């Protein structure tokens, strides 16, 4: 993701413009609650990401996959377990039904969040994270917020690398070769990553202390153009 943000046709575009455009359109998309506008934003910014920024469709779909999975699960939960009104579908399972209110709630939630995905992708995939933090710093966002964001961003990639290493080690030992074995390997992975996260956090703190950490992390400042 960081490589993509540095290598696209919009990486040198004014980061302040991209940040403000994303923030404003996110607020408008969430506030309007309009299906047509949500679909329009999704299509427009998908075209910008793929056609203008020249980001590969594979990378874009990979960016959408995980949040899309959570969105589908959440909206199904809203449709089947929330809302009142006239019943429009009966599942026949423990009295679970779909009402017109729950259907409307789940459908509009799906498209509203769907419209936000390419907006976040537009900012995240075309703007290096260092420039985003620099913008936040110059806009006088509290230091604690930018520092937490910086540490979280760094830690995410460390954990992803740890998970990848653990999964490869499990597969070399015949892991994930059956359903039950996959469940056992997944449980082991989750428990081990929790322990490794504690170990990594302690290592990170020692690393910061050894480099003279005094409670404030430096933020990237782009060189001034002559």
C-alpha atoms as a PDB file:
ATOM      1  CA  UNK A   1       0.000   0.000   0.000  1.00  0.00           C
ATOM      2  CA  UNK A   2       2.832   2.377   0.855  1.00  0.00           C
ATOM      3  CA  UNK A   3       4.549   1.524  -2.439  1.00  0.00           C
ATOM      4  CA  UNK A   4       1.352   2.262  -4.369  1.00  0.00           C
ATOM      5  CA  UNK A   5       0.932   5.603  -2.587  1.00  0.00           C
ATOM      6  CA  UNK A   6       4.423   6.647  -3.728  1.00  0.00           C
ATOM      7  CA  UNK A   7       4.094   5.302  -7.272  1.00  0.00           C
ATOM      8  CA  UNK A   8       0.961   6.600  -8.963  1.00  0.00           C
ATOM      9  CA  UNK A   9       0.023   9.510 -11.190  1.00  0.00           C
ATOM     10  CA  UNK A  10      -1.482  11.543  -8.315  1.00  0.00           C
ATOM     11  CA  UNK A  11       1.205  11.061  -5.666  1.00  0.00           C
ATOM     12  CA  UNK A  12       2.613  14.569  -6.245  1.00  0.00           C
ATOM     13  CA  UNK A  13      -0.791  16.269  -6.254  1.00  0.00           C
ATOM     14  CA  UNK A  14      -1.318  18.745  -3.405  1.00  0.00           C
ATOM     15  CA  UNK A  15      -1.980  16.575  -0.322  1.00  0.00           C
ATOM     16  CA  UNK A  16      -4.034  19.333   1.337  1.00  0.00           C
ATOM     17  CA  UNK A  17      -6.426  19.339  -1.620  1.00  0.00           C
ATOM     18  CA  UNK A  18      -6.831  15.564  -1.460  1.00  0.00           C
ATOM     19  CA  UNK A  19      -7.299  15.618   2.313  1.00  0.00           C
ATOM     20  CA  UNK A  20      -9.948  18.352   2.279  1.00  0.00           C
ATOM     21  CA  UNK A  21     -11.739  16.872  -0.747  1.00  0.00           C
ATOM     22  CA  UNK A  22     -11.910  13.471   0.943  1.00  0.00           C
ATOM     23  CA  UNK A  23     -13.115  14.904   4.268  1.00  0.00           C
ATOM     24  CA  UNK A  24     -15.800  17.094   2.678  1.00  0.00           C
ATOM     25  CA  UNK A  25     -17.165  14.351   0.422  1.00  0.00           C
ATOM     26  CA  UNK A  26     -17.150  11.856   3.293  1.00  0.00           C
ATOM     27  CA  UNK A  27     -19.294  14.210   5.366  1.00  0.00           C
ATOM     28  CA  UNK A  28     -21.637  14.883   2.425  1.00  0.00           C
ATOM     29  CA  UNK A  29     -21.962  11.168   1.587  1.00  0.00           C
ATOM     30  CA  UNK A  30     -22.778  10.240   5.174  1.00  0.00           C
ATOM     31  CA  UNK A  31     -25.162  13.162   5.649  1.00  0.00           C
ATOM     32  CA  UNK A  32     -27.189  12.926   2.416  1.00  0.00           C
ATOM     33  CA  UNK A  33     -28.307   9.290   2.773  1.00  0.00           C
ATOM     34  CA  UNK A  34     -28.994   9.157  -0.976  1.00  0.00           C
ATOM     35  CA  UNK A  35     -28.491   5.911  -2.892  1.00  0.00           C
ATOM     36  CA  UNK A  36     -27.932   7.606  -6.244  1.00  0.00           C
ATOM     37  CA  UNK A  37     -25.290   9.942  -4.826  1.00  0.00           C
ATOM     38  CA  UNK A  38     -23.544   7.021  -3.064  1.00  0.00           C
ATOM     39  CA  UNK A  39     -23.361   5.033  -6.315  1.00  0.00           C
ATOM     40  CA  UNK A  40     -22.213   8.119  -8.225  1.00  0.00           C
ATOM     41  CA  UNK A  41     -19.366   8.754  -5.752  1.00  0.00           C
ATOM     42  CA  UNK A  42     -18.333   5.095  -5.845  1.00  0.00           C
ATOM     43  CA  UNK A  43     -18.176   5.039  -9.657  1.00  0.00           C
ATOM     44  CA  UNK A  44     -16.550   8.474 -10.007  1.00  0.00           C
ATOM     45  CA  UNK A  45     -13.730   7.886  -7.552  1.00  0.00           C
ATOM     46  CA  UNK A  46     -13.186   4.325  -8.753  1.00  0.00           C
ATOM     47  CA  UNK A  47     -12.613   5.807 -12.215  1.00  0.00           C
ATOM     48  CA  UNK A  48     -10.241   8.411 -10.748  1.00  0.00           C
ATOM     49  CA  UNK A  49      -8.274   5.756  -8.845  1.00  0.00           C
ATOM     50  CA  UNK A  50      -8.054   3.347 -11.784  1.00  0.00           C
ATOM     51  CA  UNK A  51      -8.018   5.721 -14.758  1.00  0.00           C
ATOM     52  CA  UNK A  52      -6.363   8.908 -13.496  1.00  0.00           C
ATOM     53  CA  UNK A  53      -4.044   7.645 -10.732  1.00  0.00           C
ATOM     54  CA  UNK A  54      -3.272   4.533 -12.849  1.00  0.00           C
ATOM     55  CA  UNK A  55      -3.514   2.147  -9.909  1.00  0.00           C
ATOM     56  CA  UNK A  56      -3.990  -1.458 -10.966  1.00  0.00           C
ATOM     57  CA  UNK A  57      -7.446  -2.949 -10.571  1.00  0.00           C
ATOM     58  CA  UNK A  58      -5.942  -5.865  -8.638  1.00  0.00           C
ATOM     59  CA  UNK A  59      -4.486  -3.527  -5.997  1.00  0.00           C
ATOM     60  CA  UNK A  60      -7.744  -1.584  -5.792  1.00  0.00           C
ATOM     61  CA  UNK A  61      -9.851  -4.723  -5.363  1.00  0.00           C
ATOM     62  CA  UNK A  62      -7.421  -5.996  -2.742  1.00  0.00           C
ATOM     63  CA  UNK A  63      -7.857  -2.704  -0.882  1.00  0.00           C
ATOM     64  CA  UNK A  64     -11.657  -3.141  -0.952  1.00  0.00           C
ATOM     65  CA  UNK A  65     -11.813  -6.855  -0.068  1.00  0.00           C
ATOM     66  CA  UNK A  66     -11.453  -6.812   3.731  1.00  0.00           C
ATOM     67  CA  UNK A  67     -13.688  -3.787   4.507  1.00  0.00           C
ATOM     68  CA  UNK A  68     -16.234  -5.081   1.992  1.00  0.00           C
ATOM     69  CA  UNK A  69     -16.428  -8.404   3.833  1.00  0.00           C
ATOM     70  CA  UNK A  70     -17.093  -6.621   7.131  1.00  0.00           C
ATOM     71  CA  UNK A  71     -19.661  -4.381   5.443  1.00  0.00           C
ATOM     72  CA  UNK A  72     -21.624  -7.320   3.994  1.00  0.00           C
ATOM     73  CA  UNK A  73     -21.669  -9.152   7.342  1.00  0.00           C
ATOM     74  CA  UNK A  74     -22.764  -6.003   9.185  1.00  0.00           C
ATOM     75  CA  UNK A  75     -25.559  -5.199   6.726  1.00  0.00           C
ATOM     76  CA  UNK A  76     -26.871  -8.778   6.784  1.00  0.00           C
ATOM     77  CA  UNK A  77     -26.966  -8.548  10.558  1.00  0.00           C
ATOM     78  CA  UNK A  78     -28.914  -5.268  10.319  1.00  0.00           C
ATOM     79  CA  UNK A  79     -31.369  -6.718   7.805  1.00  0.00           C
ATOM     80  CA  UNK A  80     -32.184  -9.857   9.789  1.00  0.00           C
ATOM     81  CA  UNK A  81     -32.013  -8.637  13.384  1.00  0.00           C
ATOM     82  CA  UNK A  82     -32.960  -4.944  13.420  1.00  0.00           C
ATOM     83  CA  UNK A  83     -35.955  -2.855  12.435  1.00  0.00           C
ATOM     84  CA  UNK A  84     -39.721  -3.048  12.794  1.00  0.00           C
ATOM     85  CA  UNK A  85     -42.646  -2.725  10.425  1.00  0.00           C
ATOM     86  CA  UNK A  86     -44.295  -5.012   7.897  1.00  0.00           C
ATOM     87  CA  UNK A  87     -42.695  -8.418   7.392  1.00  0.00           C
ATOM     88  CA  UNK A  88     -41.566  -8.858   3.778  1.00  0.00           C
ATOM     89  CA  UNK A  89     -39.670 -12.150   4.135  1.00  0.00           C
ATOM     90  CA  UNK A  90     -39.721 -15.015   6.633  1.00  0.00           C
ATOM     91  CA  UNK A  91     -36.635 -17.191   6.905  1.00  0.00           C
ATOM     92  CA  UNK A  92     -38.394 -19.910   8.880  1.00  0.00           C
ATOM     93  CA  UNK A  93     -35.401 -20.120  11.245  1.00  0.00           C
ATOM     94  CA  UNK A  94     -36.119 -19.268  14.897  1.00  0.00           C
ATOM     95  CA  UNK A  95     -38.617 -16.634  13.838  1.00  0.00           C
ATOM     96  CA  UNK A  96     -36.024 -14.501  12.049  1.00  0.00           C
ATOM     97  CA  UNK A  97     -37.725 -12.211   9.536  1.00  0.00           C
ATOM     98  CA  UNK A  98     -36.926  -9.308   7.249  1.00  0.00           C
ATOM     99  CA  UNK A  99     -39.102  -6.218   7.631  1.00  0.00           C
ATOM    100  CA  UNK A 100     -39.440  -3.240   5.317  1.00  0.00           C
ATOM    101  CA  UNK A 101     -37.725  -1.073   7.925  1.00  0.00           C
ATOM    102  CA  UNK A 102     -34.758  -3.430   8.401  1.00  0.00           C
ATOM    103  CA  UNK A 103     -34.390  -3.890   4.633  1.00  0.00           C
ATOM    104  CA  UNK A 104     -34.307  -0.129   4.104  1.00  0.00           C
ATOM    105  CA  UNK A 105     -31.873   0.275   7.017  1.00  0.00           C
ATOM    106  CA  UNK A 106     -29.465  -2.408   5.791  1.00  0.00           C
ATOM    107  CA  UNK A 107     -29.637  -1.347   2.119  1.00  0.00           C
ATOM    108  CA  UNK A 108     -29.008   2.337   2.768  1.00  0.00           C
ATOM    109  CA  UNK A 109     -26.222   1.549   5.231  1.00  0.00           C
ATOM    110  CA  UNK A 110     -24.545  -0.672   2.636  1.00  0.00           C
ATOM    111  CA  UNK A 111     -24.546   1.937  -0.114  1.00  0.00           C
ATOM    112  CA  UNK A 112     -23.631   4.785   2.215  1.00  0.00           C
ATOM    113  CA  UNK A 113     -20.529   2.962   3.441  1.00  0.00           C
ATOM    114  CA  UNK A 114     -19.819   1.666  -0.088  1.00  0.00           C
ATOM    115  CA  UNK A 115     -19.666   5.255  -1.295  1.00  0.00           C
ATOM    116  CA  UNK A 116     -17.054   6.034   1.372  1.00  0.00           C
ATOM    117  CA  UNK A 117     -14.673   3.227   0.342  1.00  0.00           C
ATOM    118  CA  UNK A 118     -13.287   4.850  -2.840  1.00  0.00           C
ATOM    119  CA  UNK A 119     -13.025   8.192  -1.038  1.00  0.00           C
ATOM    120  CA  UNK A 120     -10.748   6.654   1.569  1.00  0.00           C
ATOM    121  CA  UNK A 121      -8.980   4.724  -1.185  1.00  0.00           C
ATOM    122  CA  UNK A 122      -8.424   7.942  -3.115  1.00  0.00           C
ATOM    123  CA  UNK A 123      -6.590   9.443  -0.131  1.00  0.00           C
ATOM    124  CA  UNK A 124      -4.801   6.321   1.111  1.00  0.00           C
ATOM    125  CA  UNK A 125      -3.689   4.956  -2.274  1.00  0.00           C
ATOM    126  CA  UNK A 126      -2.553   8.251  -3.821  1.00  0.00           C
ATOM    127  CA  UNK A 127      -1.004  10.037  -0.829  1.00  0.00           C
ATOM    128  CA  UNK A 128       2.048   8.779   1.113  1.00  0.00           C
ATOM    129  CA  UNK A 129       1.248   8.471   4.797  1.00  0.00           C
ATOM    130  CA  UNK A 130       4.127  10.808   5.713  1.00  0.00           C
ATOM    131  CA  UNK A 131       2.494  13.631   3.738  1.00  0.00           C
ATOM    132  CA  UNK A 132      -0.859  12.980   5.417  1.00  0.00           C
ATOM    133  CA  UNK A 133       0.704  13.241   8.872  1.00  0.00           C
ATOM    134  CA  UNK A 134       2.542  16.401   7.806  1.00  0.00           C
ATOM    135  CA  UNK A 135      -0.776  17.937   6.706  1.00  0.00           C
ATOM    136  CA  UNK A 136      -2.370  17.032  10.027  1.00  0.00           C
ATOM    137  CA  UNK A 137       0.589  18.491  11.887  1.00  0.00           C
ATOM    138  CA  UNK A 138       0.430  21.818  10.011  1.00  0.00           C
ATOM    139  CA  UNK A 139      -3.338  21.938  10.578  1.00  0.00           C
ATOM    140  CA  UNK A 140      -2.604  21.852  14.330  1.00  0.00           C
ATOM    141  CA  UNK A 141      -4.162  18.455  14.944  1.00  0.00           C
ATOM    142  CA  UNK A 142      -3.151  17.414  18.506  1.00  0.00           C
ATOM    143  CA  UNK A 143       0.225  15.684  18.562  1.00  0.00           C
ATOM    144  CA  UNK A 144      -1.140  12.724  20.480  1.00  0.00           C
ATOM    145  CA  UNK A 145      -3.493  11.873  17.585  1.00  0.00           C
ATOM    146  CA  UNK A 146      -0.809  11.976  14.897  1.00  0.00           C
ATOM    147  CA  UNK A 147       1.609   9.999  17.065  1.00  0.00           C
ATOM    148  CA  UNK A 148      -0.951   7.277  17.793  1.00  0.00           C
ATOM    149  CA  UNK A 149      -1.787   7.123  14.094  1.00  0.00           C
ATOM    150  CA  UNK A 150       1.888   6.861  13.171  1.00  0.00           C
ATOM    151  CA  UNK A 151       2.529   4.069  15.671  1.00  0.00           C
ATOM    152  CA  UNK A 152      -0.618   2.204  14.598  1.00  0.00           C
ATOM    153  CA  UNK A 153       0.342   2.460  10.921  1.00  0.00           C
ATOM    154  CA  UNK A 154       3.815   1.135  11.652  1.00  0.00           C
ATOM    155  CA  UNK A 155       2.516  -1.643  13.905  1.00  0.00           C
ATOM    156  CA  UNK A 156      -0.066  -2.873  11.381  1.00  0.00           C
ATOM    157  CA  UNK A 157       2.646  -3.801   8.886  1.00  0.00           C
ATOM    158  CA  UNK A 158       4.740  -5.450  11.583  1.00  0.00           C
ATOM    159  CA  UNK A 159       1.784  -7.627  12.612  1.00  0.00           C
ATOM    160  CA  UNK A 160       0.917  -8.465   9.000  1.00  0.00           C
ATOM    161  CA  UNK A 161       4.492  -9.630   8.483  1.00  0.00           C
ATOM    162  CA  UNK A 162       4.333 -11.693  11.672  1.00  0.00           C
ATOM    163  CA  UNK A 163       1.053 -13.299  10.596  1.00  0.00           C
ATOM    164  CA  UNK A 164       2.473 -14.107   7.169  1.00  0.00           C
ATOM    165  CA  UNK A 165       5.569 -15.697   8.731  1.00  0.00           C
ATOM    166  CA  UNK A 166       3.481 -17.769  11.174  1.00  0.00           C
ATOM    167  CA  UNK A 167       1.101 -18.975   8.458  1.00  0.00           C
ATOM    168  CA  UNK A 168       3.988 -20.084   6.254  1.00  0.00           C
ATOM    169  CA  UNK A 169       5.531 -21.932   9.209  1.00  0.00           C
ATOM    170  CA  UNK A 170       2.216 -23.677   9.902  1.00  0.00           C
ATOM    171  CA  UNK A 171       1.765 -24.678   6.259  1.00  0.00           C
ATOM    172  CA  UNK A 172       5.249 -26.213   6.119  1.00  0.00           C
ATOM    173  CA  UNK A 173       4.154 -28.396   9.066  1.00  0.00           C
ATOM    174  CA  UNK A 174       1.044 -29.649   7.209  1.00  0.00           C
ATOM    175  CA  UNK A 175      -1.220 -26.995   8.651  1.00  0.00           C
ATOM    176  CA  UNK A 176      -4.518 -25.978   7.021  1.00  0.00           C
ATOM    177  CA  UNK A 177      -4.834 -29.330   5.228  1.00  0.00           C
ATOM    178  CA  UNK A 178      -8.326 -30.028   6.614  1.00  0.00           C
ATOM    179  CA  UNK A 179     -11.206 -28.084   8.137  1.00  0.00           C
ATOM    180  CA  UNK A 180     -10.517 -29.112  11.733  1.00  0.00           C
ATOM    181  CA  UNK A 181      -6.793 -28.611  11.297  1.00  0.00           C
ATOM    182  CA  UNK A 182      -7.443 -25.153   9.825  1.00  0.00           C
ATOM    183  CA  UNK A 183      -9.540 -24.191  12.856  1.00  0.00           C
ATOM    184  CA  UNK A 184      -6.793 -25.396  15.201  1.00  0.00           C
ATOM    185  CA  UNK A 185      -4.111 -23.531  13.247  1.00  0.00           C
ATOM    186  CA  UNK A 186      -6.227 -20.372  13.255  1.00  0.00           C
ATOM    187  CA  UNK A 187      -6.702 -20.591  17.037  1.00  0.00           C
ATOM    188  CA  UNK A 188      -2.963 -21.071  17.526  1.00  0.00           C
ATOM    189  CA  UNK A 189      -2.264 -18.157  15.204  1.00  0.00           C
ATOM    190  CA  UNK A 190      -4.579 -15.819  17.123  1.00  0.00           C
ATOM    191  CA  UNK A 191      -3.149 -16.765  20.515  1.00  0.00           C
ATOM    192  CA  UNK A 192       0.441 -16.481  19.291  1.00  0.00           C
ATOM    193  CA  UNK A 193      -0.081 -13.133  17.580  1.00  0.00           C
ATOM    194  CA  UNK A 194      -1.488 -11.750  20.838  1.00  0.00           C
ATOM    195  CA  UNK A 195       1.649 -12.812  22.705  1.00  0.00           C
ATOM    196  CA  UNK A 196       3.873 -11.535  19.911  1.00  0.00           C
ATOM    197  CA  UNK A 197       2.035  -8.213  19.938  1.00  0.00           C
ATOM    198  CA  UNK A 198       2.914  -7.739  23.604  1.00  0.00           C
ATOM    199  CA  UNK A 199       6.524  -8.654  22.882  1.00  0.00           C
ATOM    200  CA  UNK A 200       6.694  -6.314  19.874  1.00  0.00           C
ATOM    201  CA  UNK A 201       5.170  -3.419  21.811  1.00  0.00           C
ATOM    202  CA  UNK A 202       7.830  -3.817  24.508  1.00  0.00           C
ATOM    203  CA  UNK A 203      10.564  -4.006  21.855  1.00  0.00           C
ATOM    204  CA  UNK A 204       9.172  -0.882  20.176  1.00  0.00           C
ATOM    205  CA  UNK A 205       9.237   1.028  23.462  1.00  0.00           C
ATOM    206  CA  UNK A 206      12.852  -0.010  24.074  1.00  0.00           C
ATOM    207  CA  UNK A 207      13.742   1.078  20.531  1.00  0.00           C
ATOM    208  CA  UNK A 208      12.170   4.490  21.069  1.00  0.00           C
ATOM    209  CA  UNK A 209      13.918   4.944  24.409  1.00  0.00           C
ATOM    210  CA  UNK A 210      17.302   3.989  22.958  1.00  0.00           C
ATOM    211  CA  UNK A 211      16.858   6.637  20.239  1.00  0.00           C
ATOM    212  CA  UNK A 212      16.196   9.427  22.698  1.00  0.00           C
ATOM    213  CA  UNK A 213      12.415   9.372  22.664  1.00  0.00           C
ATOM    214  CA  UNK A 214      11.170  12.231  24.852  1.00  0.00           C
ATOM    215  CA  UNK A 215       7.409  11.967  24.354  1.00  0.00           C
ATOM    216  CA  UNK A 216       7.128  13.418  20.854  1.00  0.00           C
ATOM    217  CA  UNK A 217       7.704  11.678  17.521  1.00  0.00           C
ATOM    218  CA  UNK A 218       9.159  13.734  14.667  1.00  0.00           C
ATOM    219  CA  UNK A 219       6.868  14.242  11.666  1.00  0.00           C
ATOM    220  CA  UNK A 220       8.129  14.258   8.088  1.00  0.00           C
ATOM    221  CA  UNK A 221       8.542  17.745   6.636  1.00  0.00           C
ATOM    222  CA  UNK A 222       8.792  17.898   2.826  1.00  0.00           C
ATOM    223  CA  UNK A 223      11.695  19.939   1.418  1.00  0.00           C
ATOM    224  CA  UNK A 224      10.849  23.447   0.292  1.00  0.00           C
ATOM    225  CA  UNK A 225      10.746  24.004  -3.447  1.00  0.00           C
ATOM    226  CA  UNK A 226      13.295  26.520  -4.676  1.00  0.00           C
END
